[in-house]
Amino acid sequence: MPKSKPSARAIKKTKSQPPRKAVSKKKVGAPVPKKPSKQNYTEEYADYLERYELYGEGRPRLSPAEFDRLDEEILDLLALETEQGVLSDDQIVRLQELEFLLLDSE
């Protein structure tokens, strides 16, 4: 029986080929969310982002501007509490809301 020639397919498999590149399964045109760069943030906001990653489920993620505004508000309330000794009921509720949003237990 004569020897048969190897098929083209068998020859292709034996040749060394570069590994295939992984093909992304993302939908074409779908926006890719950008991970925020912590380099441009204040230390306080970067700390907030770390707390948010750990404990932020069910809470809105604040922008740097929102965070700064609410952080100033909570500091004002805490200063007022220190001066007066006691906050009004409305101020206490607002303080609790700010603590929830800022993920701040103090």
C-alpha atoms as a PDB file:
ATOM      1  CA  MET A   1       0.000   0.000   0.000  1.00  0.00           C
ATOM      2  CA  PRO A   2       1.508   3.353  -0.974  1.00  0.00           C
ATOM      3  CA  LYS A   3       2.094   5.988   1.633  1.00  0.00           C
ATOM      4  CA  SER A   4      -0.513   8.701   1.597  1.00  0.00           C
ATOM      5  CA  LYS A   5       0.360  12.350   1.752  1.00  0.00           C
ATOM      6  CA  PRO A   6      -0.561  14.132   4.923  1.00  0.00           C
ATOM      7  CA  SER A   7      -3.599  16.319   4.548  1.00  0.00           C
ATOM      8  CA  ALA A   8      -3.313  20.104   4.482  1.00  0.00           C
ATOM      9  CA  ARG A   9      -5.103  20.208   7.813  1.00  0.00           C
ATOM     10  CA  ALA A  10      -2.535  17.926   9.443  1.00  0.00           C
ATOM     11  CA  ILE A  11       0.269  20.078   8.066  1.00  0.00           C
ATOM     12  CA  LYS A  12      -1.326  23.245   9.469  1.00  0.00           C
ATOM     13  CA  LYS A  13      -1.593  21.705  12.918  1.00  0.00           C
ATOM     14  CA  THR A  14       2.064  20.741  12.986  1.00  0.00           C
ATOM     15  CA  LYS A  15       3.353  24.168  11.968  1.00  0.00           C
ATOM     16  CA  SER A  16       4.021  26.437  14.872  1.00  0.00           C
ATOM     17  CA  GLN A  17       1.518  29.232  14.939  1.00  0.00           C
ATOM     18  CA  PRO A  18       1.461  32.250  17.232  1.00  0.00           C
ATOM     19  CA  PRO A  19      -1.150  31.978  19.974  1.00  0.00           C
ATOM     20  CA  ARG A  20      -4.523  33.440  19.120  1.00  0.00           C
ATOM     21  CA  LYS A  21      -5.456  36.739  20.637  1.00  0.00           C
ATOM     22  CA  ALA A  22      -8.360  36.665  23.056  1.00  0.00           C
ATOM     23  CA  VAL A  23     -11.470  38.076  21.462  1.00  0.00           C
ATOM     24  CA  SER A  24     -13.522  40.370  23.626  1.00  0.00           C
ATOM     25  CA  LYS A  25     -17.107  39.282  24.049  1.00  0.00           C
ATOM     26  CA  LYS A  26     -18.279  42.817  24.807  1.00  0.00           C
ATOM     27  CA  LYS A  27     -21.060  44.169  22.672  1.00  0.00           C
ATOM     28  CA  VAL A  28     -19.919  46.503  19.970  1.00  0.00           C
ATOM     29  CA  GLY A  29     -20.789  50.084  20.762  1.00  0.00           C
ATOM     30  CA  ALA A  30     -21.508  49.414  24.438  1.00  0.00           C
ATOM     31  CA  PRO A  31     -19.966  52.114  26.619  1.00  0.00           C
ATOM     32  CA  VAL A  32     -17.112  50.920  28.760  1.00  0.00           C
ATOM     33  CA  PRO A  33     -17.367  52.371  32.257  1.00  0.00           C
ATOM     34  CA  LYS A  34     -14.190  54.094  33.275  1.00  0.00           C
ATOM     35  CA  LYS A  35     -12.767  53.305  36.674  1.00  0.00           C
ATOM     36  CA  PRO A  36     -12.187  56.572  38.467  1.00  0.00           C
ATOM     37  CA  SER A  37      -8.604  57.642  38.837  1.00  0.00           C
ATOM     38  CA  LYS A  38      -7.868  58.183  42.497  1.00  0.00           C
ATOM     39  CA  GLN A  39      -4.823  60.290  41.673  1.00  0.00           C
ATOM     40  CA  ASN A  40      -6.830  63.482  41.157  1.00  0.00           C
ATOM     41  CA  TYR A  41      -8.945  63.139  44.306  1.00  0.00           C
ATOM     42  CA  THR A  42      -8.464  64.595  47.738  1.00  0.00           C
ATOM     43  CA  GLU A  43      -7.348  62.185  50.429  1.00  0.00           C
ATOM     44  CA  GLU A  44     -10.781  62.445  52.080  1.00  0.00           C
ATOM     45  CA  TYR A  45     -12.596  61.541  48.868  1.00  0.00           C
ATOM     46  CA  ALA A  46     -10.196  58.673  48.159  1.00  0.00           C
ATOM     47  CA  ASP A  47     -10.912  57.354  51.669  1.00  0.00           C
ATOM     48  CA  TYR A  48     -14.637  57.690  50.968  1.00  0.00           C
ATOM     49  CA  LEU A  49     -14.252  55.675  47.755  1.00  0.00           C
ATOM     50  CA  GLU A  50     -12.525  52.890  49.694  1.00  0.00           C
ATOM     51  CA  ARG A  51     -15.334  52.864  52.276  1.00  0.00           C
ATOM     52  CA  TYR A  52     -17.870  52.909  49.455  1.00  0.00           C
ATOM     53  CA  GLU A  53     -16.298  49.834  47.832  1.00  0.00           C
ATOM     54  CA  LEU A  54     -16.534  47.985  51.151  1.00  0.00           C
ATOM     55  CA  TYR A  55     -19.818  49.210  52.621  1.00  0.00           C
ATOM     56  CA  GLY A  56     -21.601  51.294  49.988  1.00  0.00           C
ATOM     57  CA  GLU A  57     -24.146  48.771  48.754  1.00  0.00           C
ATOM     58  CA  GLY A  58     -27.565  50.387  48.552  1.00  0.00           C
ATOM     59  CA  ARG A  59     -26.178  53.899  48.878  1.00  0.00           C
ATOM     60  CA  PRO A  60     -25.638  56.447  46.122  1.00  0.00           C
ATOM     61  CA  ARG A  61     -22.036  57.012  45.036  1.00  0.00           C
ATOM     62  CA  LEU A  62     -21.201  60.665  45.509  1.00  0.00           C
ATOM     63  CA  SER A  63     -19.239  62.715  43.029  1.00  0.00           C
ATOM     64  CA  PRO A  64     -16.236  64.633  44.374  1.00  0.00           C
ATOM     65  CA  ALA A  65     -18.280  67.872  44.359  1.00  0.00           C
ATOM     66  CA  GLU A  66     -21.222  66.251  46.184  1.00  0.00           C
ATOM     67  CA  PHE A  67     -18.858  64.686  48.684  1.00  0.00           C
ATOM     68  CA  ASP A  68     -17.155  68.021  49.408  1.00  0.00           C
ATOM     69  CA  ARG A  69     -20.488  69.809  49.866  1.00  0.00           C
ATOM     70  CA  LEU A  70     -21.894  67.161  52.214  1.00  0.00           C
ATOM     71  CA  ASP A  71     -18.614  66.845  54.097  1.00  0.00           C
ATOM     72  CA  GLU A  72     -18.663  70.613  54.779  1.00  0.00           C
ATOM     73  CA  GLU A  73     -22.272  70.335  55.951  1.00  0.00           C
ATOM     74  CA  ILE A  74     -21.505  67.506  58.374  1.00  0.00           C
ATOM     75  CA  LEU A  75     -18.498  69.409  59.744  1.00  0.00           C
ATOM     76  CA  ASP A  76     -20.715  72.457  60.308  1.00  0.00           C
ATOM     77  CA  LEU A  77     -23.272  70.363  62.180  1.00  0.00           C
ATOM     78  CA  LEU A  78     -20.589  68.723  64.315  1.00  0.00           C
ATOM     79  CA  ALA A  79     -19.109  72.143  65.146  1.00  0.00           C
ATOM     80  CA  LEU A  80     -22.574  73.397  66.054  1.00  0.00           C
ATOM     81  CA  GLU A  81     -23.096  70.369  68.292  1.00  0.00           C
ATOM     82  CA  THR A  82     -19.774  71.080  70.007  1.00  0.00           C
ATOM     83  CA  GLU A  83     -20.723  74.740  70.580  1.00  0.00           C
ATOM     84  CA  GLN A  84     -24.316  74.170  71.724  1.00  0.00           C
ATOM     85  CA  GLY A  85     -23.934  70.750  73.288  1.00  0.00           C
ATOM     86  CA  VAL A  86     -27.223  69.545  71.759  1.00  0.00           C
ATOM     87  CA  LEU A  87     -28.694  69.583  68.246  1.00  0.00           C
ATOM     88  CA  SER A  88     -32.360  69.985  67.389  1.00  0.00           C
ATOM     89  CA  ASP A  89     -34.301  66.938  66.245  1.00  0.00           C
ATOM     90  CA  ASP A  90     -34.129  68.107  62.614  1.00  0.00           C
ATOM     91  CA  GLN A  91     -30.384  68.627  62.890  1.00  0.00           C
ATOM     92  CA  ILE A  92     -29.918  65.160  64.394  1.00  0.00           C
ATOM     93  CA  VAL A  93     -31.882  63.597  61.529  1.00  0.00           C
ATOM     94  CA  ARG A  94     -29.798  65.518  58.977  1.00  0.00           C
ATOM     95  CA  LEU A  95     -26.591  64.458  60.727  1.00  0.00           C
ATOM     96  CA  GLN A  96     -27.695  60.826  60.474  1.00  0.00           C
ATOM     97  CA  GLU A  97     -28.534  61.269  56.779  1.00  0.00           C
ATOM     98  CA  LEU A  98     -25.094  62.754  56.123  1.00  0.00           C
ATOM     99  CA  GLU A  99     -23.385  59.955  58.038  1.00  0.00           C
ATOM    100  CA  PHE A 100     -25.292  57.436  55.891  1.00  0.00           C
ATOM    101  CA  LEU A 101     -24.349  59.162  52.612  1.00  0.00           C
ATOM    102  CA  LEU A 102     -20.729  59.782  53.567  1.00  0.00           C
ATOM    103  CA  LEU A 103     -20.344  56.322  55.105  1.00  0.00           C
ATOM    104  CA  ASP A 104     -19.178  58.074  58.245  1.00  0.00           C
ATOM    105  CA  SER A 105     -20.008  56.570  61.615  1.00  0.00           C
ATOM    106  CA  GLU A 106     -18.612  59.430  63.687  1.00  0.00           C
END
